[in-house]
Amino acid sequence: QVQLEESGGGLVQAGGSLRLSCVVSGRTFSRYGMGWFRQAPGKERNLVAATSWSGGRIYYADSVKGRFTISRDNAKNTVYLQMNSLNPEDTAVYYCAADPLGYGTVVAGYTVWGQGTQVTVSS
């Protein structure tokens, strides 16, 4: 059974940085597409960044392009989200998710979810 565990959230001032990590249990991590979603209070959960299984396809939401970077280390079964130049609008619960089909860029493909980590950006 695949399990995802996020870490790295917290409170940061506007303009600061955080790096989220997501460790994935299971032997087939390298075949999964991986993504980071976020959900702010009263809003829908949206895809923020994603990578295909090979890393050859990368997606970023327009709101985070140039500020966030997704990366993966298959040797460590870990996907990261480096978040720079954070602003209060980035405040949300951030979820790591896995797409067993490997695409990463198809939202409907995400079937395994972590429990989320809170990111709060103060102004």
C-alpha atoms as a PDB file:
ATOM      1  CA  GLN A   1       0.000   0.000   0.000  1.00  0.00           C
ATOM      2  CA  VAL A   2       1.388   3.369  -1.022  1.00  0.00           C
ATOM      3  CA  GLN A   3       1.523   6.052   1.640  1.00  0.00           C
ATOM      4  CA  LEU A   4       2.584   9.679   1.384  1.00  0.00           C
ATOM      5  CA  GLU A   5       3.919  11.800   4.209  1.00  0.00           C
ATOM      6  CA  GLU A   6       4.448  15.534   3.826  1.00  0.00           C
ATOM      7  CA  SER A   7       6.672  17.762   5.914  1.00  0.00           C
ATOM      8  CA  GLY A   8       8.172  21.207   5.822  1.00  0.00           C
ATOM      9  CA  GLY A   9       5.168  23.425   6.285  1.00  0.00           C
ATOM     10  CA  GLY A  10       5.058  26.255   8.750  1.00  0.00           C
ATOM     11  CA  LEU A  11       4.758  29.973   9.285  1.00  0.00           C
ATOM     12  CA  VAL A  12       6.869  32.329   7.199  1.00  0.00           C
ATOM     13  CA  GLN A  13       6.873  36.038   6.477  1.00  0.00           C
ATOM     14  CA  ALA A  14       6.017  37.380   3.080  1.00  0.00           C
ATOM     15  CA  GLY A  15       9.018  37.168   0.778  1.00  0.00           C
ATOM     16  CA  GLY A  16      10.369  34.126   2.576  1.00  0.00           C
ATOM     17  CA  SER A  17      10.913  30.556   1.457  1.00  0.00           C
ATOM     18  CA  LEU A  18       9.917  27.057   2.469  1.00  0.00           C
ATOM     19  CA  ARG A  19      10.689  23.638   1.110  1.00  0.00           C
ATOM     20  CA  LEU A  20       8.071  20.942   1.345  1.00  0.00           C
ATOM     21  CA  SER A  21       9.017  17.296   1.219  1.00  0.00           C
ATOM     22  CA  CYS A  22       6.891  14.251   0.524  1.00  0.00           C
ATOM     23  CA  VAL A  23       8.216  10.792   1.231  1.00  0.00           C
ATOM     24  CA  VAL A  24       6.461   7.977  -0.579  1.00  0.00           C
ATOM     25  CA  SER A  25       6.427   4.420   0.665  1.00  0.00           C
ATOM     26  CA  GLY A  26       6.366   1.721  -1.968  1.00  0.00           C
ATOM     27  CA  ARG A  27       8.742   0.222  -4.463  1.00  0.00           C
ATOM     28  CA  THR A  28       7.318   1.823  -7.576  1.00  0.00           C
ATOM     29  CA  PHE A  29       7.748   5.493  -6.695  1.00  0.00           C
ATOM     30  CA  SER A  30       9.853   6.073  -9.791  1.00  0.00           C
ATOM     31  CA  ARG A  31       6.836   5.188 -11.955  1.00  0.00           C
ATOM     32  CA  TYR A  32       4.467   7.640 -10.320  1.00  0.00           C
ATOM     33  CA  GLY A  33       3.593  11.070 -11.473  1.00  0.00           C
ATOM     34  CA  MET A  34       3.757  13.339  -8.455  1.00  0.00           C
ATOM     35  CA  GLY A  35       2.034  16.573  -7.679  1.00  0.00           C
ATOM     36  CA  TRP A  36       1.497  19.223  -5.076  1.00  0.00           C
ATOM     37  CA  PHE A  37      -1.979  20.597  -4.534  1.00  0.00           C
ATOM     38  CA  ARG A  38      -3.156  23.304  -2.184  1.00  0.00           C
ATOM     39  CA  GLN A  39      -6.425  24.244  -0.605  1.00  0.00           C
ATOM     40  CA  ALA A  40      -7.102  27.550   1.068  1.00  0.00           C
ATOM     41  CA  PRO A  41     -10.049  27.979   3.469  1.00  0.00           C
ATOM     42  CA  GLY A  42     -13.314  28.083   1.579  1.00  0.00           C
ATOM     43  CA  LYS A  43     -11.669  27.328  -1.755  1.00  0.00           C
ATOM     44  CA  GLU A  44     -11.214  24.305  -3.979  1.00  0.00           C
ATOM     45  CA  ARG A  45      -8.144  22.138  -3.972  1.00  0.00           C
ATOM     46  CA  ASN A  46      -5.979  23.056  -6.960  1.00  0.00           C
ATOM     47  CA  LEU A  47      -2.918  21.604  -8.590  1.00  0.00           C
ATOM     48  CA  VAL A  48       0.088  23.808  -7.967  1.00  0.00           C
ATOM     49  CA  ALA A  49       2.955  21.832  -9.473  1.00  0.00           C
ATOM     50  CA  ALA A  50       3.436  18.399 -10.968  1.00  0.00           C
ATOM     51  CA  THR A  51       6.043  16.164 -12.480  1.00  0.00           C
ATOM     52  CA  SER A  52       5.691  13.092 -14.625  1.00  0.00           C
ATOM     53  CA  TRP A  53       7.364   9.875 -13.569  1.00  0.00           C
ATOM     54  CA  SER A  54      10.493  10.708 -15.536  1.00  0.00           C
ATOM     55  CA  GLY A  55      10.545  14.394 -14.734  1.00  0.00           C
ATOM     56  CA  GLY A  56      10.241  15.077 -18.432  1.00  0.00           C
ATOM     57  CA  ARG A  57       6.900  16.847 -18.059  1.00  0.00           C
ATOM     58  CA  ILE A  58       6.578  19.591 -15.478  1.00  0.00           C
ATOM     59  CA  TYR A  59       3.531  21.680 -14.738  1.00  0.00           C
ATOM     60  CA  TYR A  60       3.131  24.862 -12.711  1.00  0.00           C
ATOM     61  CA  ALA A  61       0.029  26.849 -12.037  1.00  0.00           C
ATOM     62  CA  ASP A  62       0.315  30.385 -13.368  1.00  0.00           C
ATOM     63  CA  SER A  63       0.156  31.777  -9.844  1.00  0.00           C
ATOM     64  CA  VAL A  64       3.396  30.074  -8.822  1.00  0.00           C
ATOM     65  CA  LYS A  65       5.459  30.087 -12.017  1.00  0.00           C
ATOM     66  CA  GLY A  66       8.912  31.494 -11.423  1.00  0.00           C
ATOM     67  CA  ARG A  67       8.570  31.129  -7.647  1.00  0.00           C
ATOM     68  CA  PHE A  68       7.986  27.419  -7.007  1.00  0.00           C
ATOM     69  CA  THR A  69      10.082  24.489  -8.170  1.00  0.00           C
ATOM     70  CA  ILE A  70       9.080  20.853  -8.050  1.00  0.00           C
ATOM     71  CA  SER A  71      11.725  18.156  -8.065  1.00  0.00           C
ATOM     72  CA  ARG A  72      12.021  14.489  -7.279  1.00  0.00           C
ATOM     73  CA  ASP A  73      14.704  12.178  -5.977  1.00  0.00           C
ATOM     74  CA  ASN A  74      13.791   8.650  -6.961  1.00  0.00           C
ATOM     75  CA  ALA A  75      16.608   7.202  -4.877  1.00  0.00           C
ATOM     76  CA  LYS A  76      14.989   8.696  -1.780  1.00  0.00           C
ATOM     77  CA  ASN A  77      11.368   8.164  -2.821  1.00  0.00           C
ATOM     78  CA  THR A  78      10.873  11.864  -2.236  1.00  0.00           C
ATOM     79  CA  VAL A  79       9.330  14.763  -4.093  1.00  0.00           C
ATOM     80  CA  TYR A  80      10.021  18.360  -3.107  1.00  0.00           C
ATOM     81  CA  LEU A  81       8.389  21.703  -3.572  1.00  0.00           C
ATOM     82  CA  GLN A  82      10.721  24.659  -3.173  1.00  0.00           C
ATOM     83  CA  MET A  83       8.654  27.774  -2.572  1.00  0.00           C
ATOM     84  CA  ASN A  84      10.287  31.181  -2.860  1.00  0.00           C
ATOM     85  CA  SER A  85       8.959  34.728  -2.701  1.00  0.00           C
ATOM     86  CA  LEU A  86       5.977  33.564  -0.729  1.00  0.00           C
ATOM     87  CA  ASN A  87       3.036  35.890  -0.289  1.00  0.00           C
ATOM     88  CA  PRO A  88      -0.105  35.698   1.871  1.00  0.00           C
ATOM     89  CA  GLU A  89      -2.094  34.326  -1.079  1.00  0.00           C
ATOM     90  CA  ASP A  90       0.039  31.173  -0.862  1.00  0.00           C
ATOM     91  CA  THR A  91      -1.418  30.381   2.547  1.00  0.00           C
ATOM     92  CA  ALA A  92      -3.103  26.988   2.329  1.00  0.00           C
ATOM     93  CA  VAL A  93      -2.881  23.355   3.244  1.00  0.00           C
ATOM     94  CA  TYR A  94      -0.503  21.729   0.779  1.00  0.00           C
ATOM     95  CA  TYR A  95      -1.100  18.147  -0.247  1.00  0.00           C
ATOM     96  CA  CYS A  96       1.241  15.738  -1.926  1.00  0.00           C
ATOM     97  CA  ALA A  97      -0.380  13.270  -4.306  1.00  0.00           C
ATOM     98  CA  ALA A  98       0.625  10.380  -6.512  1.00  0.00           C
ATOM     99  CA  ASP A  99      -0.539   9.435  -9.981  1.00  0.00           C
ATOM    100  CA  PRO A 100       0.145   5.717 -10.477  1.00  0.00           C
ATOM    101  CA  LEU A 101      -0.211   6.096 -14.234  1.00  0.00           C
ATOM    102  CA  GLY A 102       2.825   8.317 -14.246  1.00  0.00           C
ATOM    103  CA  TYR A 103       1.540  11.305 -16.176  1.00  0.00           C
ATOM    104  CA  GLY A 104       1.475  13.786 -13.337  1.00  0.00           C
ATOM    105  CA  THR A 105      -0.281  16.451 -15.339  1.00  0.00           C
ATOM    106  CA  VAL A 106      -3.737  14.871 -15.409  1.00  0.00           C
ATOM    107  CA  VAL A 107      -5.588  15.842 -12.241  1.00  0.00           C
ATOM    108  CA  ALA A 108      -7.977  12.905 -12.466  1.00  0.00           C
ATOM    109  CA  GLY A 109      -5.042  10.530 -12.288  1.00  0.00           C
ATOM    110  CA  TYR A 110      -4.183  11.367  -8.698  1.00  0.00           C
ATOM    111  CA  THR A 111      -5.501   8.581  -6.513  1.00  0.00           C
ATOM    112  CA  VAL A 112      -3.151   8.566  -3.528  1.00  0.00           C
ATOM    113  CA  TRP A 113      -2.998  11.512  -1.159  1.00  0.00           C
ATOM    114  CA  GLY A 114      -1.037  12.664   1.821  1.00  0.00           C
ATOM    115  CA  GLN A 115      -2.654  14.249   4.846  1.00  0.00           C
ATOM    116  CA  GLY A 116      -1.412  17.728   4.074  1.00  0.00           C
ATOM    117  CA  THR A 117       0.855  20.284   5.653  1.00  0.00           C
ATOM    118  CA  GLN A 118      -0.118  23.823   6.584  1.00  0.00           C
ATOM    119  CA  VAL A 119       1.713  26.752   5.040  1.00  0.00           C
ATOM    120  CA  THR A 120       0.950  30.174   6.472  1.00  0.00           C
ATOM    121  CA  VAL A 121       2.460  33.333   5.036  1.00  0.00           C
ATOM    122  CA  SER A 122       2.168  36.468   7.131  1.00  0.00           C
ATOM    123  CA  SER A 123       2.165  39.930   5.634  1.00  0.00           C
END
